[in-house]
């Protein structure tokens, strides 16, 4: 792949691509419910945030992630700040694991991702059902967590190819 530093303005768009994809996915509420499958959904923003926070990508600013969470709450109809809190907790937990990891391993990162999204989804479920009296179906959260966990490896390999194109 050609070095993108010689291409000018295309480089700026290419380096901001992950944050643009994050905003598109939260505004679109991308979870593949367009397929009308009852028990199939995954949380693409969690995958995106976890990967690029883990890799310490410079354009992936936590303030922009927080604002993306506010947009997500507005689109989905959740109380304002629930998704922002989830995304921020994901950033904090991922930054912590990045700082304490001596030898990175994709498999260890994958299982850490499972632990973190399970924790965040359980906090979301508890908050929405206890404080806001939402009638939620636990099976939907479990299915979402399971498929998000499975798709992380696929998207991580795609994102690694993207980072290789940036020479990061």
Protein backbone atom coordinates (compact mmCIF):
# COMPACT_ATOMS: atom_id res chain seq x y z
CA UNK A 1 0.00 0.00 0.00
CA UNK A 2 1.35 3.43 -0.89
CA UNK A 3 2.42 5.77 1.84
CA UNK A 4 -0.49 8.10 2.55
CA UNK A 5 1.69 10.95 3.78
CA UNK A 6 2.42 11.91 0.18
CA UNK A 7 -1.23 12.20 -0.86
CA UNK A 8 -2.21 15.47 0.86
CA UNK A 9 -5.84 16.12 1.77
CA UNK A 10 -6.86 12.48 1.31
CA UNK A 11 -4.62 11.67 4.27
CA UNK A 12 -6.65 13.88 6.62
CA UNK A 13 -9.89 12.18 5.66
CA UNK A 14 -8.26 8.77 5.93
CA UNK A 15 -6.88 9.47 9.42
CA UNK A 16 -10.26 10.71 10.65
CA UNK A 17 -12.09 7.73 9.12
CA UNK A 18 -12.59 5.78 12.40
CA UNK A 19 -14.29 8.71 14.14
CA UNK A 20 -16.42 9.36 11.03
CA UNK A 21 -17.46 5.70 10.98
CA UNK A 22 -18.30 5.95 14.70
CA UNK A 23 -20.61 8.92 14.09
CA UNK A 24 -22.22 7.24 11.09
CA UNK A 25 -22.82 4.08 13.10
CA UNK A 26 -24.38 5.88 16.08
CA UNK A 27 -26.56 8.07 13.86
CA UNK A 28 -27.64 5.02 11.90
CA UNK A 29 -27.96 2.78 14.98
CA UNK A 30 -25.95 0.13 13.18
CA UNK A 31 -26.72 -3.25 14.68
CA UNK A 32 -27.88 -5.18 11.59
CA UNK A 33 -31.53 -5.19 12.55
CA UNK A 34 -32.21 -4.46 8.89
CA UNK A 35 -32.01 -8.21 8.30
CA UNK A 36 -35.11 -8.70 10.50
CA UNK A 37 -33.46 -11.54 12.39
CA UNK A 38 -34.95 -11.89 15.85
CA UNK A 39 -31.84 -12.92 17.73
CA UNK A 40 -29.06 -11.18 15.88
CA UNK A 41 -27.54 -7.82 16.74
CA UNK A 42 -24.15 -6.50 17.71
CA UNK A 43 -22.80 -3.22 18.98
CA UNK A 44 -20.40 -1.92 16.34
CA UNK A 45 -19.48 1.27 18.25
CA UNK A 46 -18.19 -0.87 21.15
CA UNK A 47 -15.89 -2.75 18.76
CA UNK A 48 -14.66 0.45 17.13
CA UNK A 49 -14.07 2.27 20.41
CA UNK A 50 -12.34 -0.68 22.06
CA UNK A 51 -9.97 -1.33 19.16
CA UNK A 52 -8.87 2.25 18.51
CA UNK A 53 -8.55 3.08 22.20
CA UNK A 54 -6.49 -0.07 22.67
CA UNK A 55 -4.19 0.95 19.82
CA UNK A 56 -3.96 4.52 21.20
CA UNK A 57 -5.05 6.04 17.90
CA UNK A 58 -4.40 9.79 18.15
CA UNK A 59 -7.49 11.03 16.24
CA UNK A 60 -9.80 8.93 18.41
CA UNK A 61 -10.45 11.58 21.05
CA UNK A 62 -12.49 10.70 24.14
CA UNK A 63 -14.51 13.93 23.93
CA UNK A 64 -15.64 12.99 20.43
CA UNK A 65 -16.55 9.51 21.70
CA UNK A 66 -18.58 11.09 24.52
CA UNK A 67 -20.44 13.32 22.03
CA UNK A 68 -21.09 10.27 19.83
CA UNK A 69 -22.74 8.68 22.86
CA UNK A 70 -25.02 11.70 23.22
CA UNK A 71 -26.00 11.36 19.57
CA UNK A 72 -26.66 7.67 20.09
CA UNK A 73 -28.96 8.39 23.05
CA UNK A 74 -30.88 10.90 20.97
CA UNK A 75 -31.31 8.52 18.04
CA UNK A 76 -32.23 5.47 20.13
CA UNK A 77 -34.39 7.33 22.63
CA UNK A 78 -32.47 6.47 25.78
CA UNK A 79 -32.02 8.90 28.68
CA UNK A 80 -29.33 11.38 27.73
CA UNK A 81 -25.91 10.25 28.93
CA UNK A 82 -26.39 6.46 29.17
CA UNK A 83 -24.45 5.68 25.98
CA UNK A 84 -21.91 8.40 26.72
CA UNK A 85 -21.26 6.82 30.09
CA UNK A 86 -20.92 3.40 28.45
CA UNK A 87 -18.54 4.66 25.79
CA UNK A 88 -16.46 6.58 28.34
CA UNK A 89 -16.24 3.56 30.64
CA UNK A 90 -15.14 1.48 27.66
CA UNK A 91 -12.43 4.05 26.86
CA UNK A 92 -11.22 4.14 30.47
CA UNK A 93 -11.12 0.35 30.82
CA UNK A 94 -9.36 -0.05 27.49
CA UNK A 95 -6.79 2.64 28.29
CA UNK A 96 -6.14 0.89 31.58
CA UNK A 97 -5.55 -2.49 29.92
CA UNK A 98 -3.33 -0.85 27.30
CA UNK A 99 -1.17 0.69 30.01
CA UNK A 100 -0.76 -2.47 32.11
CA UNK A 101 -0.20 -4.89 29.23
CA UNK A 102 3.39 -5.92 28.74
CA UNK A 103 2.92 -8.23 25.77
CA UNK A 104 -0.23 -7.56 23.74
CA UNK A 105 -2.12 -10.62 22.55
CA UNK A 106 -5.19 -10.53 20.32
CA UNK A 107 -6.79 -13.45 22.18
CA UNK A 108 -6.29 -11.82 25.58
CA UNK A 109 -7.65 -8.55 24.21
CA UNK A 110 -10.64 -10.43 22.81
CA UNK A 111 -11.55 -11.97 26.17
CA UNK A 112 -10.92 -8.72 27.99
CA UNK A 113 -13.33 -7.15 25.51
CA UNK A 114 -15.93 -9.76 26.46
CA UNK A 115 -15.48 -8.95 30.14
CA UNK A 116 -15.76 -5.19 29.60
CA UNK A 117 -18.82 -5.27 27.33
CA UNK A 118 -20.53 -7.71 29.68
CA UNK A 119 -19.89 -5.36 32.57
CA UNK A 120 -21.05 -2.30 30.64
CA UNK A 121 -24.17 -4.02 29.32
CA UNK A 122 -25.07 -5.21 32.81
CA UNK A 123 -24.64 -1.66 34.13
CA UNK A 124 -26.83 -0.35 31.30
CA UNK A 125 -29.48 -2.98 31.95
CA UNK A 126 -29.47 -2.30 35.70
CA UNK A 127 -29.57 1.47 35.28
CA UNK A 128 -32.34 1.46 32.69
CA UNK A 129 -34.52 -1.05 34.52
CA UNK A 130 -34.01 0.18 38.11
CA UNK A 131 -33.79 3.95 37.76
CA UNK A 132 -35.70 4.63 34.56
CA UNK A 133 -38.23 1.74 34.76
CA UNK A 134 -37.57 0.52 31.23
CA UNK A 135 -39.07 -2.87 30.45
CA UNK A 136 -36.04 -4.59 28.91
CA UNK A 137 -35.56 -8.12 27.67
CA UNK A 138 -32.37 -9.60 29.10
CA UNK A 139 -32.04 -12.05 26.20
CA UNK A 140 -31.53 -9.14 23.80
CA UNK A 141 -28.59 -7.90 25.87
CA UNK A 142 -27.08 -11.38 26.02
CA UNK A 143 -27.42 -11.93 22.28
CA UNK A 144 -25.96 -8.49 21.59
CA UNK A 145 -23.00 -9.16 23.88
CA UNK A 146 -22.37 -12.58 22.33
CA UNK A 147 -22.39 -11.36 18.72
CA UNK A 148 -20.38 -8.25 19.57
CA UNK A 149 -17.77 -10.52 21.13
CA UNK A 150 -17.72 -12.81 18.08
CA UNK A 151 -17.45 -10.00 15.54
CA UNK A 152 -14.62 -8.26 17.39
CA UNK A 153 -11.96 -10.55 15.89
CA UNK A 154 -13.26 -9.98 12.36
CA UNK A 155 -13.36 -6.21 12.68
CA UNK A 156 -10.04 -6.12 14.54
CA UNK A 157 -8.32 -7.72 11.56
CA UNK A 158 -9.94 -5.18 9.22
CA UNK A 159 -8.89 -2.32 11.49
CA UNK A 160 -5.32 -3.67 11.69
CA UNK A 161 -5.18 -3.53 7.89
CA UNK A 162 -6.40 0.08 8.10
CA UNK A 163 -3.66 0.97 10.62
CA UNK A 164 -1.09 -0.73 8.43
CA UNK A 165 -2.16 1.61 5.61
CA UNK A 166 -1.46 4.57 7.87
CA UNK A 167 1.94 3.19 8.88
CA UNK A 168 1.08 3.54 12.58
